[in-house]
C-alpha atoms as a PDB file:
ATOM      1  CA  UNK A   1     -23.096  26.780  -6.155  1.00  0.00           C
ATOM      2  CA  UNK A   2     -24.109  29.098  -3.337  1.00  0.00           C
ATOM      3  CA  UNK A   3     -27.328  28.485  -1.426  1.00  0.00           C
ATOM      4  CA  UNK A   4     -29.537  31.488  -0.606  1.00  0.00           C
ATOM      5  CA  UNK A   5     -32.363  31.380   1.945  1.00  0.00           C
ATOM      6  CA  UNK A   6     -35.539  32.630   0.273  1.00  0.00           C
ATOM      7  CA  UNK A   7     -35.800  35.680   2.556  1.00  0.00           C
ATOM      8  CA  UNK A   8     -32.241  36.708   1.688  1.00  0.00           C
ATOM      9  CA  UNK A   9     -32.819  36.035  -2.022  1.00  0.00           C
ATOM     10  CA  UNK A  10     -35.892  38.279  -1.981  1.00  0.00           C
ATOM     11  CA  UNK A  11     -34.165  41.051  -0.050  1.00  0.00           C
ATOM     12  CA  UNK A  12     -30.992  40.951  -2.179  1.00  0.00           C
ATOM     13  CA  UNK A  13     -32.346  39.892  -5.567  1.00  0.00           C
ATOM     14  CA  UNK A  14     -30.035  42.190  -7.550  1.00  0.00           C
ATOM     15  CA  UNK A  15     -27.032  40.641  -5.822  1.00  0.00           C
ATOM     16  CA  UNK A  16     -28.426  37.139  -6.462  1.00  0.00           C
ATOM     17  CA  UNK A  17     -28.829  37.974 -10.146  1.00  0.00           C
ATOM     18  CA  UNK A  18     -25.300  39.391 -10.371  1.00  0.00           C
ATOM     19  CA  UNK A  19     -23.879  36.278  -8.653  1.00  0.00           C
ATOM     20  CA  UNK A  20     -25.775  34.096 -11.110  1.00  0.00           C
ATOM     21  CA  UNK A  21     -24.346  35.945 -14.107  1.00  0.00           C
ATOM     22  CA  UNK A  22     -20.827  35.992 -12.640  1.00  0.00           C
ATOM     23  CA  UNK A  23     -20.535  32.608 -10.866  1.00  0.00           C
ATOM     24  CA  UNK A  24     -23.183  30.423 -12.507  1.00  0.00           C
ATOM     25  CA  UNK A  25     -26.284  28.744 -11.040  1.00  0.00           C
ATOM     26  CA  UNK A  26     -27.492  29.860  -7.607  1.00  0.00           C
ATOM     27  CA  UNK A  27     -29.615  27.686  -5.309  1.00  0.00           C
ATOM     28  CA  UNK A  28     -32.586  29.131  -3.388  1.00  0.00           C
ATOM     29  CA  UNK A  29     -33.696  27.277  -0.241  1.00  0.00           C
ATOM     30  CA  UNK A  30     -37.122  27.537   1.375  1.00  0.00           C
ATOM     31  CA  UNK A  31     -37.312  26.517   5.048  1.00  0.00           C
ATOM     32  CA  UNK A  32     -33.955  24.768   4.716  1.00  0.00           C
ATOM     33  CA  UNK A  33     -34.980  22.621   1.728  1.00  0.00           C
ATOM     34  CA  UNK A  34     -33.759  23.242  -1.819  1.00  0.00           C
ATOM     35  CA  UNK A  35     -36.584  24.940  -3.727  1.00  0.00           C
ATOM     36  CA  UNK A  36     -35.252  26.497  -6.945  1.00  0.00           C
ATOM     37  CA  UNK A  37     -32.159  27.259  -8.996  1.00  0.00           C
ATOM     38  CA  UNK A  38     -31.465  30.520 -10.797  1.00  0.00           C
ATOM     39  CA  UNK A  39     -29.364  29.842 -13.908  1.00  0.00           C
ATOM     40  CA  UNK A  40     -27.867  32.203 -16.495  1.00  0.00           C
ATOM     41  CA  UNK A  41     -29.993  32.576 -19.626  1.00  0.00           C
ATOM     42  CA  UNK A  42     -27.263  31.102 -21.879  1.00  0.00           C
ATOM     43  CA  UNK A  43     -27.236  27.890 -19.855  1.00  0.00           C
ATOM     44  CA  UNK A  44     -31.053  27.754 -19.847  1.00  0.00           C
ATOM     45  CA  UNK A  45     -31.148  28.062 -23.641  1.00  0.00           C
ATOM     46  CA  UNK A  46     -28.448  25.392 -24.004  1.00  0.00           C
ATOM     47  CA  UNK A  47     -30.379  22.997 -21.768  1.00  0.00           C
ATOM     48  CA  UNK A  48     -33.663  23.596 -23.603  1.00  0.00           C
ATOM     49  CA  UNK A  49     -32.089  23.219 -27.044  1.00  0.00           C
ATOM     50  CA  UNK A  50     -30.582  19.850 -26.092  1.00  0.00           C
ATOM     51  CA  UNK A  51     -33.962  18.415 -25.086  1.00  0.00           C
ATOM     52  CA  UNK A  52     -36.285  17.442 -27.958  1.00  0.00           C
ATOM     53  CA  UNK A  53     -39.954  18.291 -27.666  1.00  0.00           C
ATOM     54  CA  UNK A  54     -42.584  15.582 -27.247  1.00  0.00           C
ATOM     55  CA  UNK A  55     -43.967  16.438 -30.695  1.00  0.00           C
ATOM     56  CA  UNK A  56     -40.596  15.930 -32.379  1.00  0.00           C
ATOM     57  CA  UNK A  57     -40.109  12.616 -30.553  1.00  0.00           C
ATOM     58  CA  UNK A  58     -43.511  11.307 -31.641  1.00  0.00           C
ATOM     59  CA  UNK A  59     -43.062  12.417 -35.259  1.00  0.00           C
ATOM     60  CA  UNK A  60     -39.506  11.068 -35.588  1.00  0.00           C
ATOM     61  CA  UNK A  61     -39.028   8.414 -38.289  1.00  0.00           C
ATOM     62  CA  UNK A  62     -36.322   6.518 -36.431  1.00  0.00           C
ATOM     63  CA  UNK A  63     -37.252   4.052 -33.714  1.00  0.00           C
ATOM     64  CA  UNK A  64     -36.834   5.247 -30.168  1.00  0.00           C
ATOM     65  CA  UNK A  65     -36.605   1.855 -28.469  1.00  0.00           C
ATOM     66  CA  UNK A  66     -35.134  -0.844 -30.713  1.00  0.00           C
ATOM     67  CA  UNK A  67     -33.960  -2.926 -27.773  1.00  0.00           C
ATOM     68  CA  UNK A  68     -37.419  -3.587 -26.281  1.00  0.00           C
ATOM     69  CA  UNK A  69     -38.688  -7.127 -26.842  1.00  0.00           C
ATOM     70  CA  UNK A  70     -42.051  -7.195 -28.587  1.00  0.00           C
ATOM     71  CA  UNK A  71     -44.144 -10.256 -27.709  1.00  0.00           C
ATOM     72  CA  UNK A  72     -45.577 -12.253 -30.604  1.00  0.00           C
ATOM     73  CA  UNK A  73     -49.167 -11.554 -31.506  1.00  0.00           C
ATOM     74  CA  UNK A  74     -51.598 -14.372 -31.050  1.00  0.00           C
ATOM     75  CA  UNK A  75     -55.263 -15.031 -30.961  1.00  0.00           C
ATOM     76  CA  UNK A  76     -57.023 -13.186 -28.188  1.00  0.00           C
ATOM     77  CA  UNK A  77     -59.073 -15.256 -25.805  1.00  0.00           C
ATOM     78  CA  UNK A  78     -62.648 -14.103 -25.611  1.00  0.00           C
ATOM     79  CA  UNK A  79     -65.249 -15.077 -23.076  1.00  0.00           C
ATOM     80  CA  UNK A  80     -68.704 -15.933 -24.198  1.00  0.00           C
ATOM     81  CA  UNK A  81     -71.245 -13.148 -23.819  1.00  0.00           C
ATOM     82  CA  UNK A  82     -73.598 -13.739 -20.887  1.00  0.00           C
ATOM     83  CA  UNK A  83     -77.207 -14.593 -21.649  1.00  0.00           C
ATOM     84  CA  UNK A  84     -79.474 -11.808 -20.465  1.00  0.00           C
END
């Protein structure tokens, strides 16, 4: 994956886009730190399709965390209400 400084990516965006389509994801760096990645649209769609939405996770019938221990329920301890 090639790294492009942001100034170069802005100045040569068409070349950045062509490199992305031809060679795969391209990294854009801002002030020497990684800032963004340009990925081909097919890969973006594949990544988004593999990830379920929060709504589908919450509405799913199957359990999402069978291995978590659930503590037994007991009587809650209550303090007496203060006299006012």
